Full PDB file with SEQRES, HELIX, SHEET, SSBOND, CRYST1, ORIGX, SCALE, CONECT and MASTER records, all heavy atoms in Angstrom:
SEQRES   1 A   34  GLU GLY PHE ALA ASP PHE VAL LYS SER ARG PHE ALA ALA          
SEQRES   2 A   34  TRP ALA GLU GLN ALA GLY PHE GLY GLU GLY HIS TYR ALA          
SEQRES   3 A   34  GLU ALA PHE GLN THR VAL THR THR                              
HELIX    1 AA1 PHE A    3  ALA A   18  1                                  16    
CRYST1    1.000    1.000    1.000  90.00  90.00  90.00 P 1           1          
ORIGX1      1.000000  0.000000  0.000000        0.00000                         
ORIGX2      0.000000  1.000000  0.000000        0.00000                         
ORIGX3      0.000000  0.000000  1.000000        0.00000                         
SCALE1      1.000000  0.000000  0.000000        0.00000                         
SCALE2      0.000000  1.000000  0.000000        0.00000                         
SCALE3      0.000000  0.000000  1.000000        0.00000                         
ATOM      1  N   GLU A   1    -100.987  26.886 -81.498  1.00  0.00           N  
ATOM      2  CA  GLU A   1    -100.458  25.742 -82.239  1.00  0.00           C  
ATOM      3  C   GLU A   1    -101.246  24.483 -81.879  1.00  0.00           C  
ATOM      4  O   GLU A   1    -101.519  24.219 -80.707  1.00  0.00           O  
ATOM      5  CB  GLU A   1     -98.982  25.548 -81.911  1.00  0.00           C  
ATOM      6  CG  GLU A   1     -98.300  24.483 -82.756  1.00  0.00           C  
ATOM      7  CD  GLU A   1     -96.798  24.411 -82.508  1.00  0.00           C  
ATOM      8  OE1 GLU A   1     -96.262  25.316 -81.837  1.00  0.00           O  
ATOM      9  OE2 GLU A   1     -96.167  23.440 -82.986  1.00  0.00           O  
ATOM     10  N   GLY A   2    -101.623  23.717 -82.897  1.00  0.00           N  
ATOM     11  CA  GLY A   2    -102.363  22.481 -82.667  1.00  0.00           C  
ATOM     12  C   GLY A   2    -103.768  22.707 -82.135  1.00  0.00           C  
ATOM     13  O   GLY A   2    -104.305  21.855 -81.419  1.00  0.00           O  
ATOM     14  N   PHE A   3    -104.384  23.822 -82.515  1.00  0.00           N  
ATOM     15  CA  PHE A   3    -105.687  24.171 -81.950  1.00  0.00           C  
ATOM     16  C   PHE A   3    -106.744  23.113 -82.254  1.00  0.00           C  
ATOM     17  O   PHE A   3    -107.508  22.717 -81.366  1.00  0.00           O  
ATOM     18  CB  PHE A   3    -106.132  25.535 -82.478  1.00  0.00           C  
ATOM     19  CG  PHE A   3    -107.492  25.941 -82.005  1.00  0.00           C  
ATOM     20  CD1 PHE A   3    -107.704  26.320 -80.684  1.00  0.00           C  
ATOM     21  CD2 PHE A   3    -108.582  25.940 -82.876  1.00  0.00           C  
ATOM     22  CE1 PHE A   3    -108.966  26.690 -80.235  1.00  0.00           C  
ATOM     23  CE2 PHE A   3    -109.841  26.313 -82.432  1.00  0.00           C  
ATOM     24  CZ  PHE A   3    -110.035  26.687 -81.113  1.00  0.00           C  
ATOM     25  N   ALA A   4    -106.825  22.644 -83.494  1.00  0.00           N  
ATOM     26  CA  ALA A   4    -107.855  21.667 -83.864  1.00  0.00           C  
ATOM     27  C   ALA A   4    -107.698  20.385 -83.053  1.00  0.00           C  
ATOM     28  O   ALA A   4    -108.691  19.805 -82.594  1.00  0.00           O  
ATOM     29  CB  ALA A   4    -107.783  21.362 -85.356  1.00  0.00           C  
ATOM     30  N   ASP A   5    -106.473  19.942 -82.857  1.00  0.00           N  
ATOM     31  CA  ASP A   5    -106.241  18.731 -82.066  1.00  0.00           C  
ATOM     32  C   ASP A   5    -106.644  18.942 -80.613  1.00  0.00           C  
ATOM     33  O   ASP A   5    -107.201  18.044 -79.971  1.00  0.00           O  
ATOM     34  CB  ASP A   5    -104.765  18.322 -82.144  1.00  0.00           C  
ATOM     35  CG  ASP A   5    -104.374  17.810 -83.517  1.00  0.00           C  
ATOM     36  OD1 ASP A   5    -105.271  17.368 -84.265  1.00  0.00           O  
ATOM     37  OD2 ASP A   5    -103.170  17.850 -83.842  1.00  0.00           O  
ATOM     38  N   PHE A   6    -106.368  20.143 -80.089  1.00  0.00           N  
ATOM     39  CA  PHE A   6    -106.773  20.457 -78.720  1.00  0.00           C  
ATOM     40  C   PHE A   6    -108.289  20.373 -78.576  1.00  0.00           C  
ATOM     41  O   PHE A   6    -108.817  19.785 -77.619  1.00  0.00           O  
ATOM     42  CB  PHE A   6    -106.288  21.848 -78.325  1.00  0.00           C  
ATOM     43  CG  PHE A   6    -107.009  22.444 -77.148  1.00  0.00           C  
ATOM     44  CD1 PHE A   6    -106.745  22.004 -75.858  1.00  0.00           C  
ATOM     45  CD2 PHE A   6    -107.981  23.426 -77.331  1.00  0.00           C  
ATOM     46  CE1 PHE A   6    -107.434  22.534 -74.770  1.00  0.00           C  
ATOM     47  CE2 PHE A   6    -108.656  23.963 -76.253  1.00  0.00           C  
ATOM     48  CZ  PHE A   6    -108.393  23.512 -74.971  1.00  0.00           C  
ATOM     49  N   VAL A   7    -108.991  20.983 -79.524  1.00  0.00           N  
ATOM     50  CA  VAL A   7    -110.451  20.980 -79.458  1.00  0.00           C  
ATOM     51  C   VAL A   7    -110.981  19.551 -79.520  1.00  0.00           C  
ATOM     52  O   VAL A   7    -111.833  19.140 -78.708  1.00  0.00           O  
ATOM     53  CB  VAL A   7    -111.051  21.828 -80.598  1.00  0.00           C  
ATOM     54  CG1 VAL A   7    -112.564  21.638 -80.688  1.00  0.00           C  
ATOM     55  CG2 VAL A   7    -110.717  23.301 -80.395  1.00  0.00           C  
ATOM     56  N   LYS A   8    -110.470  18.776 -80.456  1.00  0.00           N  
ATOM     57  CA  LYS A   8    -110.970  17.407 -80.596  1.00  0.00           C  
ATOM     58  C   LYS A   8    -110.690  16.571 -79.356  1.00  0.00           C  
ATOM     59  O   LYS A   8    -111.542  15.777 -78.918  1.00  0.00           O  
ATOM     60  CB  LYS A   8    -110.363  16.760 -81.843  1.00  0.00           C  
ATOM     61  CG  LYS A   8    -110.947  17.289 -83.143  1.00  0.00           C  
ATOM     62  CD  LYS A   8    -110.457  16.488 -84.340  1.00  0.00           C  
ATOM     63  CE  LYS A   8    -111.212  16.890 -85.603  1.00  0.00           C  
ATOM     64  NZ  LYS A   8    -110.806  16.083 -86.782  1.00  0.00           N  
ATOM     65  N   SER A   9    -109.514  16.736 -78.772  1.00  0.00           N  
ATOM     66  CA  SER A   9    -109.189  15.937 -77.581  1.00  0.00           C  
ATOM     67  C   SER A   9    -110.086  16.308 -76.407  1.00  0.00           C  
ATOM     68  O   SER A   9    -110.527  15.432 -75.653  1.00  0.00           O  
ATOM     69  CB  SER A   9    -107.715  16.118 -77.208  1.00  0.00           C  
ATOM     70  OG  SER A   9    -107.448  17.454 -76.811  1.00  0.00           O  
ATOM     71  N   ARG A  10    -110.368  17.599 -76.265  1.00  0.00           N  
ATOM     72  CA  ARG A  10    -111.218  18.020 -75.146  1.00  0.00           C  
ATOM     73  C   ARG A  10    -112.633  17.467 -75.283  1.00  0.00           C  
ATOM     74  O   ARG A  10    -113.216  16.963 -74.309  1.00  0.00           O  
ATOM     75  CB  ARG A  10    -111.256  19.542 -75.041  1.00  0.00           C  
ATOM     76  CG  ARG A  10    -112.193  20.029 -73.953  1.00  0.00           C  
ATOM     77  CD  ARG A  10    -111.809  21.351 -73.358  1.00  0.00           C  
ATOM     78  NE  ARG A  10    -112.690  21.723 -72.272  1.00  0.00           N  
ATOM     79  CZ  ARG A  10    -112.644  21.230 -71.034  1.00  0.00           C  
ATOM     80  NH1 ARG A  10    -111.738  20.337 -70.720  1.00  0.00           N  
ATOM     81  NH2 ARG A  10    -113.491  21.626 -70.102  1.00  0.00           N  
ATOM     82  N   PHE A  11    -113.193  17.534 -76.484  1.00  0.00           N  
ATOM     83  CA  PHE A  11    -114.576  17.099 -76.644  1.00  0.00           C  
ATOM     84  C   PHE A  11    -114.683  15.588 -76.827  1.00  0.00           C  
ATOM     85  O   PHE A  11    -115.744  15.017 -76.582  1.00  0.00           O  
ATOM     86  CB  PHE A  11    -115.232  17.909 -77.760  1.00  0.00           C  
ATOM     87  CG  PHE A  11    -115.396  19.348 -77.345  1.00  0.00           C  
ATOM     88  CD1 PHE A  11    -114.436  20.295 -77.671  1.00  0.00           C  
ATOM     89  CD2 PHE A  11    -116.471  19.743 -76.570  1.00  0.00           C  
ATOM     90  CE1 PHE A  11    -114.563  21.611 -77.247  1.00  0.00           C  
ATOM     91  CE2 PHE A  11    -116.604  21.049 -76.136  1.00  0.00           C  
ATOM     92  CZ  PHE A  11    -115.634  21.990 -76.473  1.00  0.00           C  
ATOM     93  N   ALA A  12    -113.577  14.937 -77.174  1.00  0.00           N  
ATOM     94  CA  ALA A  12    -113.533  13.476 -77.121  1.00  0.00           C  
ATOM     95  C   ALA A  12    -113.564  13.008 -75.671  1.00  0.00           C  
ATOM     96  O   ALA A  12    -114.174  11.976 -75.342  1.00  0.00           O  
ATOM     97  CB  ALA A  12    -112.283  12.959 -77.819  1.00  0.00           C  
ATOM     98  N   ALA A  13    -112.921  13.761 -74.776  1.00  0.00           N  
ATOM     99  CA  ALA A  13    -112.931  13.411 -73.350  1.00  0.00           C  
ATOM    100  C   ALA A  13    -114.346  13.501 -72.779  1.00  0.00           C  
ATOM    101  O   ALA A  13    -114.762  12.656 -71.980  1.00  0.00           O  
ATOM    102  CB  ALA A  13    -111.984  14.322 -72.583  1.00  0.00           C  
ATOM    103  N   TRP A  14    -115.103  14.518 -73.185  1.00  0.00           N  
ATOM    104  CA  TRP A  14    -116.492  14.612 -72.742  1.00  0.00           C  
ATOM    105  C   TRP A  14    -117.294  13.414 -73.251  1.00  0.00           C  
ATOM    106  O   TRP A  14    -118.130  12.864 -72.526  1.00  0.00           O  
ATOM    107  CB  TRP A  14    -117.131  15.897 -73.244  1.00  0.00           C  
ATOM    108  CG  TRP A  14    -116.813  17.142 -72.481  1.00  0.00           C  
ATOM    109  CD1 TRP A  14    -116.337  18.320 -72.993  1.00  0.00           C  
ATOM    110  CD2 TRP A  14    -116.974  17.371 -71.072  1.00  0.00           C  
ATOM    111  NE1 TRP A  14    -116.177  19.252 -71.994  1.00  0.00           N  
ATOM    112  CE2 TRP A  14    -116.566  18.700 -70.811  1.00  0.00           C  
ATOM    113  CE3 TRP A  14    -117.419  16.572 -70.025  1.00  0.00           C  
ATOM    114  CZ2 TRP A  14    -116.598  19.238 -69.529  1.00  0.00           C  
ATOM    115  CZ3 TRP A  14    -117.451  17.109 -68.742  1.00  0.00           C  
ATOM    116  CH2 TRP A  14    -117.038  18.427 -68.511  1.00  0.00           C  
ATOM    117  N   ALA A  15    -117.047  13.000 -74.497  1.00  0.00           N  
ATOM    118  CA  ALA A  15    -117.772  11.857 -75.057  1.00  0.00           C  
ATOM    119  C   ALA A  15    -117.461  10.587 -74.288  1.00  0.00           C  
ATOM    120  O   ALA A  15    -118.355   9.752 -74.046  1.00  0.00           O  
ATOM    121  CB  ALA A  15    -117.420  11.692 -76.536  1.00  0.00           C  
ATOM    122  N   GLU A  16    -116.206  10.439 -73.883  1.00  0.00           N  
ATOM    123  CA  GLU A  16    -115.832   9.265 -73.090  1.00  0.00           C  
ATOM    124  C   GLU A  16    -116.547   9.292 -71.745  1.00  0.00           C  
ATOM    125  O   GLU A  16    -117.069   8.265 -71.282  1.00  0.00           O  
ATOM    126  CB  GLU A  16    -114.311   9.242 -72.883  1.00  0.00           C  
ATOM    127  CG  GLU A  16    -113.825   8.023 -72.112  1.00  0.00           C  
ATOM    128  CD  GLU A  16    -112.314   7.990 -71.961  1.00  0.00           C  
ATOM    129  OE1 GLU A  16    -111.637   8.862 -72.545  1.00  0.00           O  
ATOM    130  OE2 GLU A  16    -111.821   7.101 -71.251  1.00  0.00           O  
ATOM    131  N   GLN A  17    -116.586  10.457 -71.105  1.00  0.00           N  
ATOM    132  CA  GLN A  17    -117.278  10.577 -69.827  1.00  0.00           C  
ATOM    133  C   GLN A  17    -118.769  10.281 -69.979  1.00  0.00           C  
ATOM    134  O   GLN A  17    -119.390   9.688 -69.091  1.00  0.00           O  
ATOM    135  CB  GLN A  17    -117.098  11.976 -69.248  1.00  0.00           C  
ATOM    136  CG  GLN A  17    -117.727  12.159 -67.872  1.00  0.00           C  
ATOM    137  CD  GLN A  17    -117.401  13.511 -67.254  1.00  0.00           C  
ATOM    138  OE1 GLN A  17    -116.407  14.144 -67.602  1.00  0.00           O  
ATOM    139  NE2 GLN A  17    -118.233  13.959 -66.329  1.00  0.00           N  
ATOM    140  N   ALA A  18    -119.335  10.678 -71.114  1.00  0.00           N  
ATOM    141  CA  ALA A  18    -120.756  10.446 -71.360  1.00  0.00           C  
ATOM    142  C   ALA A  18    -121.066   9.006 -71.728  1.00  0.00           C  
ATOM    143  O   ALA A  18    -122.234   8.603 -71.739  1.00  0.00           O  
ATOM    144  CB  ALA A  18    -121.241  11.366 -72.474  1.00  0.00           C  
ATOM    145  N   GLY A  19    -120.027   8.219 -72.069  1.00  0.00           N  
ATOM    146  CA  GLY A  19    -120.228   6.839 -72.456  1.00  0.00           C  
ATOM    147  C   GLY A  19    -120.580   6.648 -73.917  1.00  0.00           C  
ATOM    148  O   GLY A  19    -121.140   5.614 -74.299  1.00  0.00           O  
ATOM    149  N   PHE A  20    -120.241   7.631 -74.762  1.00  0.00           N  
ATOM    150  CA  PHE A  20    -120.572   7.539 -76.180  1.00  0.00           C  
ATOM    151  C   PHE A  20    -119.605   6.647 -76.956  1.00  0.00           C  
ATOM    152  O   PHE A  20    -119.894   6.261 -78.084  1.00  0.00           O  
ATOM    153  CB  PHE A  20    -120.608   8.928 -76.822  1.00  0.00           C  
ATOM    154  CG  PHE A  20    -121.741   9.800 -76.346  1.00  0.00           C  
ATOM    155  CD1 PHE A  20    -121.596  11.169 -76.278  1.00  0.00           C  
ATOM    156  CD2 PHE A  20    -122.955   9.244 -75.981  1.00  0.00           C  
ATOM    157  CE1 PHE A  20    -122.634  11.987 -75.846  1.00  0.00           C  
ATOM    158  CE2 PHE A  20    -124.008  10.042 -75.549  1.00  0.00           C  
ATOM    159  CZ  PHE A  20    -123.845  11.416 -75.478  1.00  0.00           C  
ATOM    160  N   GLY A  21    -118.434   6.380 -76.396  1.00  0.00           N  
ATOM    161  CA  GLY A  21    -117.507   5.479 -77.052  1.00  0.00           C  
ATOM    162  C   GLY A  21    -116.420   6.190 -77.841  1.00  0.00           C  
ATOM    163  O   GLY A  21    -116.480   7.396 -78.098  1.00  0.00           O  
ATOM    164  N   GLU A  22    -115.439   5.417 -78.242  1.00  0.00           N  
ATOM    165  CA  GLU A  22    -114.288   5.941 -78.981  1.00  0.00           C  
ATOM    166  C   GLU A  22    -114.716   6.492 -80.333  1.00  0.00           C  
ATOM    167  O   GLU A  22    -115.612   5.969 -80.989  1.00  0.00           O  
ATOM    168  CB  GLU A  22    -113.247   4.832 -79.169  1.00  0.00           C  
ATOM    169  CG  GLU A  22    -111.943   5.295 -79.765  1.00  0.00           C  
ATOM    170  CD  GLU A  22    -110.912   4.177 -79.826  1.00  0.00           C  
ATOM    171  OE1 GLU A  22    -111.186   3.090 -79.281  1.00  0.00           O  
ATOM    172  OE2 GLU A  22    -109.852   4.398 -80.438  1.00  0.00           O  
ATOM    173  N   GLY A  23    -114.064   7.582 -80.739  1.00  0.00           N  
ATOM    174  CA  GLY A  23    -114.375   8.192 -82.019  1.00  0.00           C  
ATOM    175  C   GLY A  23    -115.537   9.159 -81.977  1.00  0.00           C  
ATOM    176  O   GLY A  23    -115.945   9.677 -83.025  1.00  0.00           O  
ATOM    177  N   HIS A  24    -116.058   9.426 -80.787  1.00  0.00           N  
ATOM    178  CA  HIS A  24    -117.175  10.357 -80.654  1.00  0.00           C  
ATOM    179  C   HIS A  24    -116.709  11.640 -79.967  1.00  0.00           C  
ATOM    180  O   HIS A  24    -115.682  11.668 -79.284  1.00  0.00           O  
ATOM    181  CB  HIS A  24    -118.315   9.727 -79.849  1.00  0.00           C  
ATOM    182  CG  HIS A  24    -119.083   8.687 -80.590  1.00  0.00           C  
ATOM    183  ND1 HIS A  24    -120.355   8.886 -81.085  1.00  0.00           N  
ATOM    184  CD2 HIS A  24    -118.748   7.421 -80.948  1.00  0.00           C  
ATOM    185  CE1 HIS A  24    -120.779   7.813 -81.697  1.00  0.00           C  
ATOM    186  NE2 HIS A  24    -119.818   6.893 -81.627  1.00  0.00           N  
ATOM    187  N   TYR A  25    -117.502  12.682 -80.141  1.00  0.00           N  
ATOM    188  CA  TYR A  25    -117.254  13.979 -79.511  1.00  0.00           C  
ATOM    189  C   TYR A  25    -118.555  14.444 -78.859  1.00  0.00           C  
ATOM    190  O   TYR A  25    -119.646  14.173 -79.369  1.00  0.00           O  
ATOM    191  CB  TYR A  25    -116.788  15.007 -80.545  1.00  0.00           C  
ATOM    192  CG  TYR A  25    -115.553  14.582 -81.290  1.00  0.00           C  
ATOM    193  CD1 TYR A  25    -115.658  13.938 -82.527  1.00  0.00           C  
ATOM    194  CD2 TYR A  25    -114.288  14.795 -80.769  1.00  0.00           C  
ATOM    195  CE1 TYR A  25    -114.521  13.517 -83.219  1.00  0.00           C  
ATOM    196  CE2 TYR A  25    -113.147  14.390 -81.443  1.00  0.00           C  
ATOM    197  CZ  TYR A  25    -113.273  13.748 -82.664  1.00  0.00           C  
ATOM    198  OH  TYR A  25    -112.148  13.338 -83.339  1.00  0.00           O  
ATOM    199  N   ALA A  26    -118.413  15.150 -77.740  1.00  0.00           N  
ATOM    200  CA  ALA A  26    -119.616  15.567 -77.010  1.00  0.00           C  
ATOM    201  C   ALA A  26    -119.423  16.945 -76.387  1.00  0.00           C  
ATOM    202  O   ALA A  26    -118.302  17.357 -76.072  1.00  0.00           O  
ATOM    203  CB  ALA A  26    -119.954  14.554 -75.910  1.00  0.00           C  
ATOM    204  N   GLU A  27    -120.538  17.654 -76.209  1.00  0.00           N  
ATOM    205  CA  GLU A  27    -120.582  18.878 -75.413  1.00  0.00           C  
ATOM    206  C   GLU A  27    -121.363  18.581 -74.141  1.00  0.00           C  
ATOM    207  O   GLU A  27    -122.309  17.782 -74.159  1.00  0.00           O  
ATOM    208  CB  GLU A  27    -121.222  20.019 -76.204  1.00  0.00           C  
ATOM    209  CG  GLU A  27    -120.343  20.490 -77.345  1.00  0.00           C  
ATOM    210  CD  GLU A  27    -121.026  21.452 -78.294  1.00  0.00           C  
ATOM    211  OE1 GLU A  27    -122.277  21.524 -78.297  1.00  0.00           O  
ATOM    212  OE2 GLU A  27    -120.307  22.123 -79.071  1.00  0.00           O  
ATOM    213  N   ALA A  28    -120.976  19.245 -73.045  1.00  0.00           N  
ATOM    214  CA  ALA A  28    -121.532  18.932 -71.730  1.00  0.00           C  
ATOM    215  C   ALA A  28    -122.269  20.132 -71.155  1.00  0.00           C  
ATOM    216  O   ALA A  28    -121.832  21.280 -71.294  1.00  0.00           O  
ATOM    217  CB  ALA A  28    -120.409  18.512 -70.786  1.00  0.00           C  
ATOM    218  N   PHE A  29    -123.371  19.859 -70.479  1.00  0.00           N  
ATOM    219  CA  PHE A  29    -124.202  20.900 -69.880  1.00  0.00           C  
ATOM    220  C   PHE A  29    -124.748  20.435 -68.545  1.00  0.00           C  
ATOM    221  O   PHE A  29    -124.894  19.234 -68.297  1.00  0.00           O  
ATOM    222  CB  PHE A  29    -125.391  21.233 -70.793  1.00  0.00           C  
ATOM    223  CG  PHE A  29    -125.032  21.570 -72.199  1.00  0.00           C  
ATOM    224  CD1 PHE A  29    -124.988  20.582 -73.184  1.00  0.00           C  
ATOM    225  CD2 PHE A  29    -124.725  22.877 -72.557  1.00  0.00           C  
ATOM    226  CE1 PHE A  29    -124.651  20.897 -74.497  1.00  0.00           C  
ATOM    227  CE2 PHE A  29    -124.381  23.198 -73.865  1.00  0.00           C  
ATOM    228  CZ  PHE A  29    -124.346  22.203 -74.830  1.00  0.00           C  
ATOM    229  N   GLN A  30    -125.076  21.389 -67.699  1.00  0.00           N  
ATOM    230  CA  GLN A  30    -125.906  21.119 -66.538  1.00  0.00           C  
ATOM    231  C   GLN A  30    -127.290  21.663 -66.832  1.00  0.00           C  
ATOM    232  O   GLN A  30    -127.454  22.834 -67.162  1.00  0.00           O  
ATOM    233  CB  GLN A  30    -125.347  21.778 -65.272  1.00  0.00           C  
ATOM    234  CG  GLN A  30    -126.188  21.475 -64.028  1.00  0.00           C  
ATOM    235  CD  GLN A  30    -125.567  21.997 -62.751  1.00  0.00           C  
ATOM    236  OE1 GLN A  30    -124.360  22.254 -62.702  1.00  0.00           O  
ATOM    237  NE2 GLN A  30    -126.369  22.168 -61.731  1.00  0.00           N  
ATOM    238  N   THR A  31    -128.296  20.802 -66.720  1.00  0.00           N  
ATOM    239  CA  THR A  31    -129.646  21.219 -67.073  1.00  0.00           C  
ATOM    240  C   THR A  31    -130.390  21.740 -65.843  1.00  0.00           C  
ATOM    241  O   THR A  31    -130.216  21.241 -64.731  1.00  0.00           O  
ATOM    242  CB  THR A  31    -130.440  20.056 -67.692  1.00  0.00           C  
ATOM    243  OG1 THR A  31    -130.563  19.010 -66.729  1.00  0.00           O  
ATOM    244  CG2 THR A  31    -129.742  19.522 -68.928  1.00  0.00           C  
ATOM    245  N   VAL A  32    -131.210  22.742 -66.073  1.00  0.00           N  
ATOM    246  CA  VAL A  32    -132.005  23.346 -65.018  1.00  0.00           C  
ATOM    247  C   VAL A  32    -133.440  23.453 -65.526  1.00  0.00           C  
ATOM    248  O   VAL A  32    -133.712  24.129 -66.515  1.00  0.00           O  
ATOM    249  CB  VAL A  32    -131.499  24.756 -64.647  1.00  0.00           C  
ATOM    250  CG1 VAL A  32    -132.353  25.361 -63.530  1.00  0.00           C  
ATOM    251  CG2 VAL A  32    -130.035  24.719 -64.236  1.00  0.00           C  
ATOM    252  N   THR A  33    -134.355  22.745 -64.867  1.00  0.00           N  
ATOM    253  CA  THR A  33    -135.769  22.845 -65.214  1.00  0.00           C  
ATOM    254  C   THR A  33    -136.339  24.078 -64.537  1.00  0.00           C  
ATOM    255  O   THR A  33    -136.193  24.257 -63.327  1.00  0.00           O  
ATOM    256  CB  THR A  33    -136.523  21.583 -64.776  1.00  0.00           C  
ATOM    257  OG1 THR A  33    -135.959  20.446 -65.438  1.00  0.00           O  
ATOM    258  CG2 THR A  33    -138.001  21.687 -65.131  1.00  0.00           C  
ATOM    259  N   THR A  34    -137.009  24.924 -65.298  1.00  0.00           N  
ATOM    260  CA  THR A  34    -137.444  26.218 -64.763  1.00  0.00           C  
ATOM    261  C   THR A  34    -138.948  26.418 -64.816  1.00  0.00           C  
ATOM    262  O   THR A  34    -139.453  27.385 -64.243  1.00  0.00           O  
ATOM    263  CB  THR A  34    -136.766  27.354 -65.542  1.00  0.00           C  
ATOM    264  OG1 THR A  34    -137.132  27.262 -66.927  1.00  0.00           O  
ATOM    265  CG2 THR A  34    -135.262  27.282 -65.416  1.00  0.00           C  
TER     266      THR A  34                                                      
MASTER        0    0    0    1    0    0    0    6  265    1    0    3          
END                                                                             
């Protein structure tokens, strides 16, 4: 129930952590140079 809202809230939180601002969505990664 409320799956779309859950997804949006989770990826909005990543955008906030990234500093993209309100109304944005983000995916997060740890990068490894190989």
